[in-house]
Amino acid sequence: MLNIVLHPAHSPSTLPPLLIVHGLFGSARNWGVIARRMAADREVLAVDMRNHGESPWMPAQSYADMAADLAEVIAAHGGRMDVMGHSMGGKAAMQLALTHGDMVDRLIVADIAPVAYSHDQSQHIHAMRALDLTGLSARSEADRRLAAQMDDPALRAFFLQSLDLKADPVRWRLNLDVLEAEMASITGWPGTTGRFDGSALFLAGGDSTYILPEHRPAIRDLFPAARLAKIPNAGHWLHAEKPREFEETMRIFLAR
């Protein structure tokens, strides 16, 4: 089963648990602050997806496999949850809702659509592979070395959260070989049919190009009750750029 970071409710209510599903190269720890704040009145589970974080390394990264992983987590924790997924995690959450709709109460998809994208994230894998891990003991030194491959300090900080400096030898908590081999599947969409009639929110960054007007018919076909909203002045990493706005939008949509 996937590794789970559990955040018990501070003041339990009748709200269902919330499952948080991170994106490519991410982990449950990326969502720690938002998960803790959303746990004010409900249990929150953040998972490490397969081949990420502390979850098992597996030979495939298909959306059918990822949705089955999420279904296993939900089945082991009561059988039904609200689900929020970002990017790759959003596609996995959509696949889950379309194939195991009885397990999903309300669905939030953050800055991704049920379509195939032409971009490729393999350059980040190459940069991580190129990082010299010899003798590393401090994240600041890892950042200095990674800067030779990656200019953006925010991206470096994000990727370095998946570097295990306590391991001997130091290692990435990412199965880079499988993620590279499966990149076309990750950036693609399996063409899943069916529909999820439950409440769904597609939340985009106002400055992002991941959810475009031409994607709306595909969203409506699969998620006829979907609402679409934007967080202004935010890009694809809307939860990191505008965390309080992201959290408040989630809270309002998930309220009963």
Protein backbone atom coordinates (compact mmCIF):
# COMPACT_ATOMS: atom_id res chain seq x y z
CA MET A 1 0.00 0.00 0.00
CA LEU A 2 1.05 3.61 -0.52
CA ASN A 3 2.81 5.43 2.28
CA ILE A 4 0.29 7.62 4.12
CA VAL A 5 0.82 10.70 6.27
CA LEU A 6 -2.24 10.89 8.51
CA HIS A 7 -3.46 14.17 10.01
CA PRO A 8 -6.19 13.48 12.62
CA ALA A 9 -9.01 16.01 12.91
CA HIS A 10 -8.43 18.65 15.58
CA SER A 11 -12.19 18.99 16.16
CA PRO A 12 -13.89 15.98 14.54
CA SER A 13 -17.08 16.58 12.56
CA THR A 14 -19.33 14.60 10.25
CA LEU A 15 -17.26 15.57 7.20
CA PRO A 16 -15.68 12.65 5.32
CA PRO A 17 -11.90 12.27 5.31
CA LEU A 18 -9.93 14.19 2.70
CA LEU A 19 -7.35 12.40 0.54
CA ILE A 20 -4.56 14.61 -0.88
CA VAL A 21 -2.75 13.32 -3.98
CA HIS A 22 0.46 15.07 -5.04
CA GLY A 23 1.82 15.58 -8.53
CA LEU A 24 4.87 14.35 -10.45
CA PHE A 25 8.13 14.48 -8.43
CA GLY A 26 6.16 15.49 -5.31
CA SER A 27 5.36 13.79 -2.03
CA ALA A 28 2.96 13.93 0.89
CA ARG A 29 5.41 16.18 2.74
CA ASN A 30 4.93 18.93 0.10
CA TRP A 31 1.34 19.26 1.35
CA GLY A 32 2.08 19.26 5.08
CA VAL A 33 0.93 22.78 5.93
CA ILE A 34 -2.27 22.65 3.87
CA ALA A 35 -3.05 19.13 5.16
CA ARG A 36 -2.66 20.21 8.79
CA ARG A 37 -4.87 23.25 8.28
CA MET A 38 -7.54 21.24 6.44
CA ALA A 39 -7.50 18.81 9.38
CA ALA A 40 -9.17 21.43 11.59
CA ASP A 41 -12.51 19.62 11.26
CA ARG A 42 -11.82 16.38 9.38
CA GLU A 43 -9.25 13.63 9.04
CA VAL A 44 -6.77 14.27 6.22
CA LEU A 45 -4.63 11.64 4.51
CA ALA A 46 -1.75 12.68 2.24
CA VAL A 47 -0.14 9.89 0.24
CA ASP A 48 3.17 9.32 -1.48
CA MET A 49 2.31 8.02 -4.94
CA ARG A 50 4.06 4.90 -6.23
CA ASN A 51 7.71 5.54 -7.15
CA HIS A 52 7.66 8.69 -4.98
CA GLY A 53 8.56 9.42 -1.38
CA GLU A 54 8.37 6.43 0.95
CA SER A 55 5.96 4.42 -1.20
CA PRO A 56 6.98 1.21 -3.00
CA TRP A 57 8.87 1.33 -6.27
CA MET A 58 6.81 -0.35 -8.98
CA PRO A 59 7.52 -1.12 -12.66
CA ALA A 60 4.72 1.05 -14.08
CA GLN A 61 3.17 4.48 -13.54
CA SER A 62 -0.09 4.19 -15.47
CA TYR A 63 -3.20 6.05 -14.33
CA ALA A 64 -5.04 2.75 -13.97
CA ASP A 65 -2.34 1.60 -11.54
CA MET A 66 -2.31 4.90 -9.65
CA ALA A 67 -6.11 4.91 -9.31
CA ALA A 68 -6.02 1.34 -8.02
CA ASP A 69 -3.44 2.42 -5.42
CA LEU A 70 -5.75 5.21 -4.25
CA ALA A 71 -8.75 2.89 -4.17
CA GLU A 72 -6.78 0.54 -1.91
CA VAL A 73 -6.03 3.40 0.49
CA ILE A 74 -9.68 4.51 0.59
CA ALA A 75 -10.95 0.96 1.06
CA ALA A 76 -8.63 0.52 4.03
CA HIS A 77 -9.88 3.75 5.65
CA GLY A 78 -13.64 3.53 5.50
CA GLY A 79 -14.44 3.21 1.80
CA ARG A 80 -15.35 6.80 0.80
CA MET A 81 -13.54 10.14 0.88
CA ASP A 82 -13.31 13.58 -0.62
CA VAL A 83 -10.33 13.57 -2.99
CA MET A 84 -8.05 16.40 -4.12
CA GLY A 85 -5.32 15.79 -6.67
CA HIS A 86 -2.81 18.17 -8.24
CA SER A 87 -1.35 17.72 -11.75
CA MET A 88 -0.42 14.02 -12.12
CA GLY A 89 -2.31 13.45 -8.88
CA GLY A 90 -5.30 15.23 -10.39
CA LYS A 91 -5.34 12.84 -13.33
CA ALA A 92 -5.05 9.89 -10.95
CA ALA A 93 -7.96 11.33 -8.94
CA MET A 94 -10.04 11.72 -12.12
CA GLN A 95 -9.27 8.13 -13.10
CA LEU A 96 -10.32 7.03 -9.61
CA ALA A 97 -13.61 8.95 -9.81
CA LEU A 98 -14.41 7.53 -13.25
CA THR A 99 -13.63 3.93 -12.34
CA HIS A 100 -14.43 3.81 -8.58
CA GLY A 101 -17.02 6.56 -8.34
CA ASP A 102 -18.62 5.06 -5.25
CA MET A 103 -15.41 5.78 -3.32
CA VAL A 104 -15.32 9.50 -4.13
CA ASP A 105 -17.69 11.95 -2.48
CA ARG A 106 -16.44 15.32 -3.74
CA LEU A 107 -13.57 15.74 -6.19
CA ILE A 108 -11.11 18.61 -6.59
CA VAL A 109 -8.75 18.59 -9.57
CA ALA A 110 -5.99 21.18 -9.30
CA ASP A 111 -4.66 22.64 -12.56
CA ILE A 112 -4.94 19.69 -14.92
CA ALA A 113 -7.48 18.47 -17.47
CA PRO A 114 -8.40 14.99 -18.79
CA VAL A 115 -6.29 15.47 -21.91
CA ALA A 116 -2.84 14.54 -23.19
CA TYR A 117 -0.20 17.27 -23.00
CA SER A 118 2.74 17.74 -25.34
CA HIS A 119 5.22 18.87 -22.71
CA ASP A 120 7.85 16.51 -21.33
CA GLN A 121 9.36 16.63 -17.84
CA SER A 122 12.34 14.40 -18.62
CA GLN A 123 14.75 17.33 -18.44
CA HIS A 124 14.19 17.45 -14.69
CA ILE A 125 15.07 13.77 -14.41
CA HIS A 126 18.27 14.42 -16.32
CA ALA A 127 19.12 17.28 -13.95
CA MET A 128 18.53 15.12 -10.89
CA ARG A 129 20.61 12.30 -12.34
CA ALA A 130 23.42 14.75 -13.08
CA LEU A 131 23.62 15.91 -9.45
CA ASP A 132 26.82 14.63 -7.85
CA LEU A 133 25.69 12.99 -4.61
CA THR A 134 29.22 12.20 -3.43
CA GLY A 135 29.85 13.38 0.11
CA LEU A 136 26.61 15.34 0.33
CA SER A 137 25.44 16.05 3.87
CA ALA A 138 23.75 19.47 3.65
CA ARG A 139 20.80 20.60 1.54
CA SER A 140 22.52 23.94 0.93
CA GLU A 141 25.41 22.15 -0.76
CA ALA A 142 22.99 20.03 -2.78
CA ASP A 143 21.25 23.23 -3.89
CA ARG A 144 24.58 24.76 -4.93
CA ARG A 145 25.44 21.71 -7.01
CA LEU A 146 21.97 21.41 -8.55
CA ALA A 147 22.14 25.08 -9.59
CA ALA A 148 24.58 24.00 -12.30
CA GLN A 149 21.71 22.07 -13.90
CA MET A 150 18.67 24.10 -12.87
CA ASP A 151 18.39 27.90 -12.68
CA ASP A 152 15.06 28.24 -10.85
CA PRO A 153 15.63 28.27 -7.05
CA ALA A 154 11.98 27.42 -6.35
CA LEU A 155 12.17 24.33 -8.57
CA ARG A 156 15.44 23.30 -6.94
CA ALA A 157 13.88 23.60 -3.49
CA PHE A 158 10.93 21.49 -4.61
CA PHE A 159 13.06 18.70 -6.07
CA LEU A 160 15.47 18.67 -3.15
CA GLN A 161 12.61 17.78 -0.81
CA SER A 162 12.86 14.33 -2.43
CA LEU A 163 16.59 13.97 -1.74
CA ASP A 164 17.27 11.64 1.20
CA LEU A 165 20.39 13.05 2.83
CA LYS A 166 20.15 10.58 5.73
CA ALA A 167 20.44 7.55 3.48
CA ASP A 168 23.79 5.83 3.05
CA PRO A 169 24.53 6.46 0.29
CA VAL A 170 22.49 9.61 -0.33
CA ARG A 171 19.66 8.87 -2.77
CA TRP A 172 16.61 10.32 -4.47
CA ARG A 173 13.25 9.20 -3.08
CA LEU A 174 12.08 8.99 -6.69
CA ASN A 175 12.26 6.03 -9.06
CA LEU A 176 13.77 8.12 -11.84
CA ASP A 177 14.17 5.20 -14.25
CA VAL A 178 10.47 4.26 -14.19
CA LEU A 179 9.28 7.88 -14.21
CA GLU A 180 11.39 8.56 -17.30
CA ALA A 181 10.23 5.38 -19.04
CA GLU A 182 6.58 6.17 -18.25
CA MET A 183 6.74 9.91 -19.05
CA ALA A 184 4.49 9.62 -22.11
CA SER A 185 1.82 7.92 -19.98
CA ILE A 186 2.17 10.50 -17.21
CA THR A 187 1.78 13.51 -19.51
CA GLY A 188 -0.86 11.68 -21.53
CA TRP A 189 -4.40 10.60 -20.72
CA PRO A 190 -5.67 7.02 -21.11
CA GLY A 191 -8.93 8.01 -22.78
CA THR A 192 -11.03 6.67 -19.93
CA THR A 193 -14.75 6.71 -20.68
CA GLY A 194 -17.71 6.91 -18.34
CA ARG A 195 -18.74 9.77 -16.12
CA PHE A 196 -18.61 10.94 -12.54
CA ASP A 197 -21.87 12.62 -11.60
CA GLY A 198 -20.74 13.80 -8.19
CA SER A 199 -19.62 17.30 -7.23
CA ALA A 200 -16.33 18.22 -8.87
CA LEU A 201 -14.22 21.37 -8.88
CA PHE A 202 -11.54 22.03 -11.48
CA LEU A 203 -9.35 24.70 -9.93
CA ALA A 204 -6.83 26.42 -12.20
CA GLY A 205 -4.06 28.89 -11.68
CA GLY A 206 -5.04 32.15 -13.34
CA ASP A 207 -1.66 32.38 -15.06
CA SER A 208 -1.45 28.67 -15.93
CA THR A 209 -2.09 27.13 -19.35
CA TYR A 210 -2.93 23.63 -18.10
CA ILE A 211 -6.72 24.15 -18.15
CA LEU A 212 -7.75 26.04 -21.29
CA PRO A 213 -11.19 26.90 -22.73
CA GLU A 214 -10.80 24.14 -25.31
CA HIS A 215 -10.50 21.58 -22.49
CA ARG A 216 -13.93 22.35 -21.09
CA PRO A 217 -15.91 19.98 -23.37
CA ALA A 218 -13.72 17.04 -22.27
CA ILE A 219 -14.23 18.02 -18.64
CA ARG A 220 -18.00 18.38 -19.03
CA ASP A 221 -18.32 15.04 -20.86
CA LEU A 222 -16.69 13.13 -18.02
CA PHE A 223 -17.71 15.34 -15.08
CA PRO A 224 -21.09 16.87 -15.96
CA ALA A 225 -21.51 18.51 -12.54
CA ALA A 226 -18.06 20.11 -12.65
CA ARG A 227 -17.49 23.70 -11.65
CA LEU A 228 -14.46 25.57 -12.96
CA ALA A 229 -12.67 28.27 -10.97
CA LYS A 230 -9.37 30.14 -11.04
CA ILE A 231 -7.01 31.52 -8.44
CA PRO A 232 -5.72 34.85 -9.81
CA ASN A 233 -1.99 35.49 -10.14
CA ALA A 234 -1.09 31.84 -9.67
CA GLY A 235 0.58 29.39 -12.02
CA HIS A 236 0.63 25.61 -12.14
CA TRP A 237 1.92 25.40 -8.55
CA LEU A 238 -1.13 27.31 -7.31
CA HIS A 239 -1.16 25.62 -3.91
CA ALA A 240 2.42 26.75 -3.23
CA GLU A 241 2.05 30.22 -4.73
CA LYS A 242 -1.32 31.05 -3.14
CA PRO A 243 -1.70 28.55 -0.27
CA ARG A 244 -4.30 30.44 1.77
CA GLU A 245 -6.47 31.16 -1.26
CA PHE A 246 -6.15 27.54 -2.38
CA GLU A 247 -7.05 26.28 1.08
CA GLU A 248 -10.06 28.59 1.43
CA THR A 249 -11.40 27.59 -1.99
CA MET A 250 -11.11 23.93 -1.03
CA ARG A 251 -12.77 24.54 2.30
CA ILE A 252 -15.76 26.33 0.75
CA PHE A 253 -16.27 23.68 -1.94
CA LEU A 254 -15.96 20.77 0.50
CA ALA A 255 -18.32 22.28 3.09
CA ARG A 256 -21.61 20.44 3.54
